[in-house]
Amino acid sequence: MTEDREKHFRLVQRILAARLEKKYRHGAKQHRGKLWEKNDLLDEAIDEVIDLVVCLMSGRERRKN
């Protein structure tokens, strides 16, 4: 890869790591307990995907205007 791509990749890694930590810690406070022992994890994941789709569709609509 080019040096520009390497720099961009490292930037993406740093941003992702920071956002992952923030989201994980927020979720840990919100949901309590051990995530890896939760029985309703798939239902929660489906709800997160629904939230994602709503956000993406809203962003698309906002860009049209």
PDB file of N, CA and C in Angstrom:
ATOM      1  N   MET A   1       0.839  -1.185   0.000  1.00  0.00           N
ATOM      2  CA  MET A   1       0.000   0.000   0.000  1.00  0.00           C
ATOM      3  C   MET A   1       0.882   1.247   0.000  1.00  0.00           C
ATOM      4  N   THR A   2       0.289   2.306  -0.498  1.00  0.00           N
ATOM      5  CA  THR A   2       1.024   3.571  -0.508  1.00  0.00           C
ATOM      6  C   THR A   2       1.084   4.137   0.910  1.00  0.00           C
ATOM      7  N   GLU A   3       1.964   5.095   1.120  1.00  0.00           N
ATOM      8  CA  GLU A   3       2.081   5.726   2.435  1.00  0.00           C
ATOM      9  C   GLU A   3       0.794   6.474   2.791  1.00  0.00           C
ATOM     10  N   ASP A   4       0.159   7.089   1.788  1.00  0.00           N
ATOM     11  CA  ASP A   4      -1.111   7.769   2.046  1.00  0.00           C
ATOM     12  C   ASP A   4      -2.176   6.794   2.540  1.00  0.00           C
ATOM     13  N   ARG A   5      -2.222   5.632   1.929  1.00  0.00           N
ATOM     14  CA  ARG A   5      -3.194   4.616   2.368  1.00  0.00           C
ATOM     15  C   ARG A   5      -2.862   4.101   3.758  1.00  0.00           C
ATOM     16  N   GLU A   6      -1.596   3.934   4.052  1.00  0.00           N
ATOM     17  CA  GLU A   6      -1.183   3.487   5.384  1.00  0.00           C
ATOM     18  C   GLU A   6      -1.594   4.513   6.439  1.00  0.00           C
ATOM     19  N   LYS A   7      -1.380   5.792   6.140  1.00  0.00           N
ATOM     20  CA  LYS A   7      -1.774   6.853   7.066  1.00  0.00           C
ATOM     21  C   LYS A   7      -3.281   6.841   7.285  1.00  0.00           C
ATOM     22  N   HIS A   8      -4.019   6.695   6.197  1.00  0.00           N
ATOM     23  CA  HIS A   8      -5.474   6.674   6.295  1.00  0.00           C
ATOM     24  C   HIS A   8      -5.933   5.464   7.107  1.00  0.00           C
ATOM     25  N   PHE A   9      -5.320   4.327   6.863  1.00  0.00           N
ATOM     26  CA  PHE A   9      -5.661   3.110   7.594  1.00  0.00           C
ATOM     27  C   PHE A   9      -5.416   3.290   9.092  1.00  0.00           C
ATOM     28  N   ARG A  10      -4.282   3.866   9.453  1.00  0.00           N
ATOM     29  CA  ARG A  10      -3.975   4.091  10.866  1.00  0.00           C
ATOM     30  C   ARG A  10      -4.972   5.070  11.494  1.00  0.00           C
ATOM     31  N   LEU A  11      -5.384   6.075  10.732  1.00  0.00           N
ATOM     32  CA  LEU A  11      -6.395   7.009  11.210  1.00  0.00           C
ATOM     33  C   LEU A  11      -7.717   6.278  11.478  1.00  0.00           C
ATOM     34  N   VAL A  12      -8.137   5.462  10.536  1.00  0.00           N
ATOM     35  CA  VAL A  12      -9.370   4.693  10.701  1.00  0.00           C
ATOM     36  C   VAL A  12      -9.269   3.778  11.922  1.00  0.00           C
ATOM     37  N   GLN A  13      -8.127   3.143  12.106  1.00  0.00           N
ATOM     38  CA  GLN A  13      -7.928   2.277  13.274  1.00  0.00           C
ATOM     39  C   GLN A  13      -8.080   3.056  14.576  1.00  0.00           C
ATOM     40  N   ARG A  14      -7.484   4.237  14.661  1.00  0.00           N
ATOM     41  CA  ARG A  14      -7.560   5.042  15.879  1.00  0.00           C
ATOM     42  C   ARG A  14      -8.993   5.490  16.158  1.00  0.00           C
ATOM     43  N   ILE A  15      -9.671   5.945  15.120  1.00  0.00           N
ATOM     44  CA  ILE A  15     -11.057   6.383  15.279  1.00  0.00           C
ATOM     45  C   ILE A  15     -11.929   5.212  15.714  1.00  0.00           C
ATOM     46  N   LEU A  16     -11.769   4.074  15.062  1.00  0.00           N
ATOM     47  CA  LEU A  16     -12.552   2.889  15.395  1.00  0.00           C
ATOM     48  C   LEU A  16     -12.295   2.440  16.829  1.00  0.00           C
ATOM     49  N   ALA A  17     -11.037   2.413  17.230  1.00  0.00           N
ATOM     50  CA  ALA A  17     -10.695   1.985  18.589  1.00  0.00           C
ATOM     51  C   ALA A  17     -11.327   2.911  19.626  1.00  0.00           C
ATOM     52  N   ALA A  18     -11.282   4.205  19.381  1.00  0.00           N
ATOM     53  CA  ALA A  18     -11.856   5.167  20.325  1.00  0.00           C
ATOM     54  C   ALA A  18     -13.376   5.025  20.392  1.00  0.00           C
ATOM     55  N   ARG A  19     -14.013   4.879  19.259  1.00  0.00           N
ATOM     56  CA  ARG A  19     -15.477   4.749  19.237  1.00  0.00           C
ATOM     57  C   ARG A  19     -15.917   3.428  19.825  1.00  0.00           C
ATOM     58  N   LEU A  20     -15.158   2.366  19.556  1.00  0.00           N
ATOM     59  CA  LEU A  20     -15.464   1.052  20.115  1.00  0.00           C
ATOM     60  C   LEU A  20     -15.407   1.096  21.635  1.00  0.00           C
ATOM     61  N   GLU A  21     -14.361   1.710  22.173  1.00  0.00           N
ATOM     62  CA  GLU A  21     -14.239   1.797  23.627  1.00  0.00           C
ATOM     63  C   GLU A  21     -15.400   2.577  24.231  1.00  0.00           C
ATOM     64  N   LYS A  22     -15.725   3.715  23.628  1.00  0.00           N
ATOM     65  CA  LYS A  22     -16.825   4.540  24.135  1.00  0.00           C
ATOM     66  C   LYS A  22     -18.144   3.771  24.097  1.00  0.00           C
ATOM     67  N   LYS A  23     -18.434   3.121  22.979  1.00  0.00           N
ATOM     68  CA  LYS A  23     -19.688   2.379  22.804  1.00  0.00           C
ATOM     69  C   LYS A  23     -19.745   1.186  23.752  1.00  0.00           C
ATOM     70  N   TYR A  24     -18.652   0.470  23.889  1.00  0.00           N
ATOM     71  CA  TYR A  24     -18.624  -0.708  24.758  1.00  0.00           C
ATOM     72  C   TYR A  24     -18.875  -0.304  26.211  1.00  0.00           C
ATOM     73  N   ARG A  25     -18.197   0.739  26.658  1.00  0.00           N
ATOM     74  CA  ARG A  25     -18.361   1.181  28.046  1.00  0.00           C
ATOM     75  C   ARG A  25     -19.772   1.706  28.299  1.00  0.00           C
ATOM     76  N   HIS A  26     -20.330   2.414  27.342  1.00  0.00           N
ATOM     77  CA  HIS A  26     -21.710   2.890  27.470  1.00  0.00           C
ATOM     78  C   HIS A  26     -22.674   1.703  27.553  1.00  0.00           C
ATOM     79  N   GLY A  27     -22.490   0.729  26.682  1.00  0.00           N
ATOM     80  CA  GLY A  27     -23.341  -0.462  26.692  1.00  0.00           C
ATOM     81  C   GLY A  27     -23.206  -1.257  27.979  1.00  0.00           C
ATOM     82  N   ALA A  28     -22.004  -1.320  28.517  1.00  0.00           N
ATOM     83  CA  ALA A  28     -21.778  -2.046  29.766  1.00  0.00           C
ATOM     84  C   ALA A  28     -22.563  -1.395  30.910  1.00  0.00           C
ATOM     85  N   LYS A  29     -22.594  -0.068  30.929  1.00  0.00           N
ATOM     86  CA  LYS A  29     -23.376   0.640  31.956  1.00  0.00           C
ATOM     87  C   LYS A  29     -24.867   0.443  31.733  1.00  0.00           C
ATOM     88  N   GLN A  30     -25.269   0.498  30.477  1.00  0.00           N
ATOM     89  CA  GLN A  30     -26.683   0.434  30.126  1.00  0.00           C
ATOM     90  C   GLN A  30     -27.273  -0.950  30.367  1.00  0.00           C
ATOM     91  N   HIS A  31     -26.558  -1.994  29.980  1.00  0.00           N
ATOM     92  CA  HIS A  31     -27.121  -3.343  29.994  1.00  0.00           C
ATOM     93  C   HIS A  31     -26.707  -4.170  31.205  1.00  0.00           C
ATOM     94  N   ARG A  32     -25.651  -3.767  31.851  1.00  0.00           N
ATOM     95  CA  ARG A  32     -25.153  -4.482  33.031  1.00  0.00           C
ATOM     96  C   ARG A  32     -24.896  -5.955  32.714  1.00  0.00           C
ATOM     97  N   GLY A  33     -24.353  -6.649  33.654  1.00  0.00           N
ATOM     98  CA  GLY A  33     -24.109  -8.070  33.472  1.00  0.00           C
ATOM     99  C   GLY A  33     -23.011  -8.354  32.461  1.00  0.00           C
ATOM    100  N   LYS A  34     -22.839  -9.608  32.179  1.00  0.00           N
ATOM    101  CA  LYS A  34     -21.798 -10.066  31.256  1.00  0.00           C
ATOM    102  C   LYS A  34     -22.404 -10.246  29.872  1.00  0.00           C
ATOM    103  N   LEU A  35     -21.960  -9.442  28.937  1.00  0.00           N
ATOM    104  CA  LEU A  35     -22.493  -9.471  27.577  1.00  0.00           C
ATOM    105  C   LEU A  35     -22.440 -10.874  26.988  1.00  0.00           C
ATOM    106  N   TRP A  36     -21.352 -11.567  27.212  1.00  0.00           N
ATOM    107  CA  TRP A  36     -21.151 -12.881  26.612  1.00  0.00           C
ATOM    108  C   TRP A  36     -22.042 -13.955  27.235  1.00  0.00           C
ATOM    109  N   GLU A  37     -22.757 -13.632  28.303  1.00  0.00           N
ATOM    110  CA  GLU A  37     -23.668 -14.590  28.924  1.00  0.00           C
ATOM    111  C   GLU A  37     -25.137 -14.247  28.684  1.00  0.00           C
ATOM    112  N   LYS A  38     -25.409 -13.167  27.965  1.00  0.00           N
ATOM    113  CA  LYS A  38     -26.787 -12.735  27.740  1.00  0.00           C
ATOM    114  C   LYS A  38     -27.497 -13.671  26.772  1.00  0.00           C
ATOM    115  N   ASN A  39     -28.736 -14.006  27.105  1.00  0.00           N
ATOM    116  CA  ASN A  39     -29.531 -14.892  26.255  1.00  0.00           C
ATOM    117  C   ASN A  39     -30.224 -14.156  25.119  1.00  0.00           C
ATOM    118  N   ASP A  40     -30.479 -12.874  25.292  1.00  0.00           N
ATOM    119  CA  ASP A  40     -31.213 -12.101  24.285  1.00  0.00           C
ATOM    120  C   ASP A  40     -30.296 -11.281  23.386  1.00  0.00           C
ATOM    121  N   LEU A  41     -29.070 -11.705  23.254  1.00  0.00           N
ATOM    122  CA  LEU A  41     -28.082 -10.949  22.494  1.00  0.00           C
ATOM    123  C   LEU A  41     -28.481 -10.780  21.025  1.00  0.00           C
ATOM    124  N   LEU A  42     -29.030 -11.816  20.418  1.00  0.00           N
ATOM    125  CA  LEU A  42     -29.427 -11.697  19.011  1.00  0.00           C
ATOM    126  C   LEU A  42     -30.558 -10.693  18.836  1.00  0.00           C
ATOM    127  N   ASP A  43     -31.504 -10.683  19.749  1.00  0.00           N
ATOM    128  CA  ASP A  43     -32.587  -9.702  19.660  1.00  0.00           C
ATOM    129  C   ASP A  43     -32.039  -8.285  19.797  1.00  0.00           C
ATOM    130  N   GLU A  44     -31.105  -8.088  20.702  1.00  0.00           N
ATOM    131  CA  GLU A  44     -30.494  -6.770  20.847  1.00  0.00           C
ATOM    132  C   GLU A  44     -29.718  -6.387  19.590  1.00  0.00           C
ATOM    133  N   ALA A  45     -29.035  -7.346  18.992  1.00  0.00           N
ATOM    134  CA  ALA A  45     -28.285  -7.068  17.762  1.00  0.00           C
ATOM    135  C   ALA A  45     -29.229  -6.689  16.627  1.00  0.00           C
ATOM    136  N   ILE A  46     -30.346  -7.374  16.527  1.00  0.00           N
ATOM    137  CA  ILE A  46     -31.342  -7.047  15.496  1.00  0.00           C
ATOM    138  C   ILE A  46     -31.855  -5.627  15.706  1.00  0.00           C
ATOM    139  N   ASP A  47     -32.139  -5.256  16.962  1.00  0.00           N
ATOM    140  CA  ASP A  47     -32.584  -3.886  17.244  1.00  0.00           C
ATOM    141  C   ASP A  47     -31.522  -2.869  16.841  1.00  0.00           C
ATOM    142  N   GLU A  48     -30.255  -3.180  17.068  1.00  0.00           N
ATOM    143  CA  GLU A  48     -29.169  -2.272  16.663  1.00  0.00           C
ATOM    144  C   GLU A  48     -29.120  -2.126  15.144  1.00  0.00           C
ATOM    145  N   VAL A  49     -29.349  -3.215  14.425  1.00  0.00           N
ATOM    146  CA  VAL A  49     -29.351  -3.157  12.955  1.00  0.00           C
ATOM    147  C   VAL A  49     -30.517  -2.312  12.467  1.00  0.00           C
ATOM    148  N   ILE A  50     -31.662  -2.453  13.110  1.00  0.00           N
ATOM    149  CA  ILE A  50     -32.808  -1.619  12.745  1.00  0.00           C
ATOM    150  C   ILE A  50     -32.474  -0.153  12.963  1.00  0.00           C
ATOM    151  N   ASP A  51     -31.861   0.177  14.104  1.00  0.00           N
ATOM    152  CA  ASP A  51     -31.429   1.557  14.356  1.00  0.00           C
ATOM    153  C   ASP A  51     -30.477   2.034  13.260  1.00  0.00           C
ATOM    154  N   LEU A  52     -29.567   1.171  12.847  1.00  0.00           N
ATOM    155  CA  LEU A  52     -28.615   1.524  11.798  1.00  0.00           C
ATOM    156  C   LEU A  52     -29.325   1.848  10.495  1.00  0.00           C
ATOM    157  N   VAL A  53     -30.281   1.017  10.109  1.00  0.00           N
ATOM    158  CA  VAL A  53     -31.011   1.241   8.861  1.00  0.00           C
ATOM    159  C   VAL A  53     -31.770   2.565   8.920  1.00  0.00           C
ATOM    160  N   VAL A  54     -32.410   2.844  10.053  1.00  0.00           N
ATOM    161  CA  VAL A  54     -33.136   4.112  10.204  1.00  0.00           C
ATOM    162  C   VAL A  54     -32.170   5.288  10.068  1.00  0.00           C
ATOM    163  N   CYS A  55     -31.013   5.200  10.696  1.00  0.00           N
ATOM    164  CA  CYS A  55     -30.019   6.278  10.597  1.00  0.00           C
ATOM    165  C   CYS A  55     -29.538   6.459   9.167  1.00  0.00           C
ATOM    166  N   LEU A  56     -29.261   5.361   8.479  1.00  0.00           N
ATOM    167  CA  LEU A  56     -28.792   5.449   7.098  1.00  0.00           C
ATOM    168  C   LEU A  56     -29.850   6.048   6.181  1.00  0.00           C
ATOM    169  N   MET A  57     -31.093   5.619   6.336  1.00  0.00           N
ATOM    170  CA  MET A  57     -32.163   6.148   5.496  1.00  0.00           C
ATOM    171  C   MET A  57     -32.403   7.629   5.790  1.00  0.00           C
ATOM    172  N   SER A  58     -32.312   8.008   7.056  1.00  0.00           N
ATOM    173  CA  SER A  58     -32.476   9.422   7.431  1.00  0.00           C
ATOM    174  C   SER A  58     -31.355  10.260   6.841  1.00  0.00           C
ATOM    175  N   GLY A  59     -30.134   9.746   6.886  1.00  0.00           N
ATOM    176  CA  GLY A  59     -29.004  10.459   6.293  1.00  0.00           C
ATOM    177  C   GLY A  59     -29.175  10.640   4.805  1.00  0.00           C
ATOM    178  N   ARG A  60     -29.684   9.600   4.150  1.00  0.00           N
ATOM    179  CA  ARG A  60     -29.914   9.687   2.698  1.00  0.00           C
ATOM    180  C   ARG A  60     -30.946  10.763   2.403  1.00  0.00           C
ATOM    181  N   GLU A  61     -32.028  10.787   3.148  1.00  0.00           N
ATOM    182  CA  GLU A  61     -33.073  11.784   2.934  1.00  0.00           C
ATOM    183  C   GLU A  61     -32.546  13.204   3.175  1.00  0.00           C
ATOM    184  N   ARG A  62     -31.720  13.361   4.207  1.00  0.00           N
ATOM    185  CA  ARG A  62     -31.153  14.668   4.529  1.00  0.00           C
ATOM    186  C   ARG A  62     -30.258  15.149   3.381  1.00  0.00           C
ATOM    187  N   ARG A  63     -29.537  14.241   2.763  1.00  0.00           N
ATOM    188  CA  ARG A  63     -28.632  14.641   1.653  1.00  0.00           C
ATOM    189  C   ARG A  63     -29.406  15.052   0.407  1.00  0.00           C
ATOM    190  N   LYS A  64     -30.606  14.511   0.248  1.00  0.00           N
ATOM    191  CA  LYS A  64     -31.423  14.862  -0.906  1.00  0.00           C
ATOM    192  C   LYS A  64     -31.893  16.309  -0.837  1.00  0.00           C
ATOM    193  N   ASN A  65     -32.034  16.827   0.360  1.00  0.00           N
ATOM    194  CA  ASN A  65     -32.584  18.186   0.561  1.00  0.00           C
ATOM    195  C   ASN A  65     -31.513  19.230   0.536  1.00  0.00           C
TER     196      ASN A  65
END
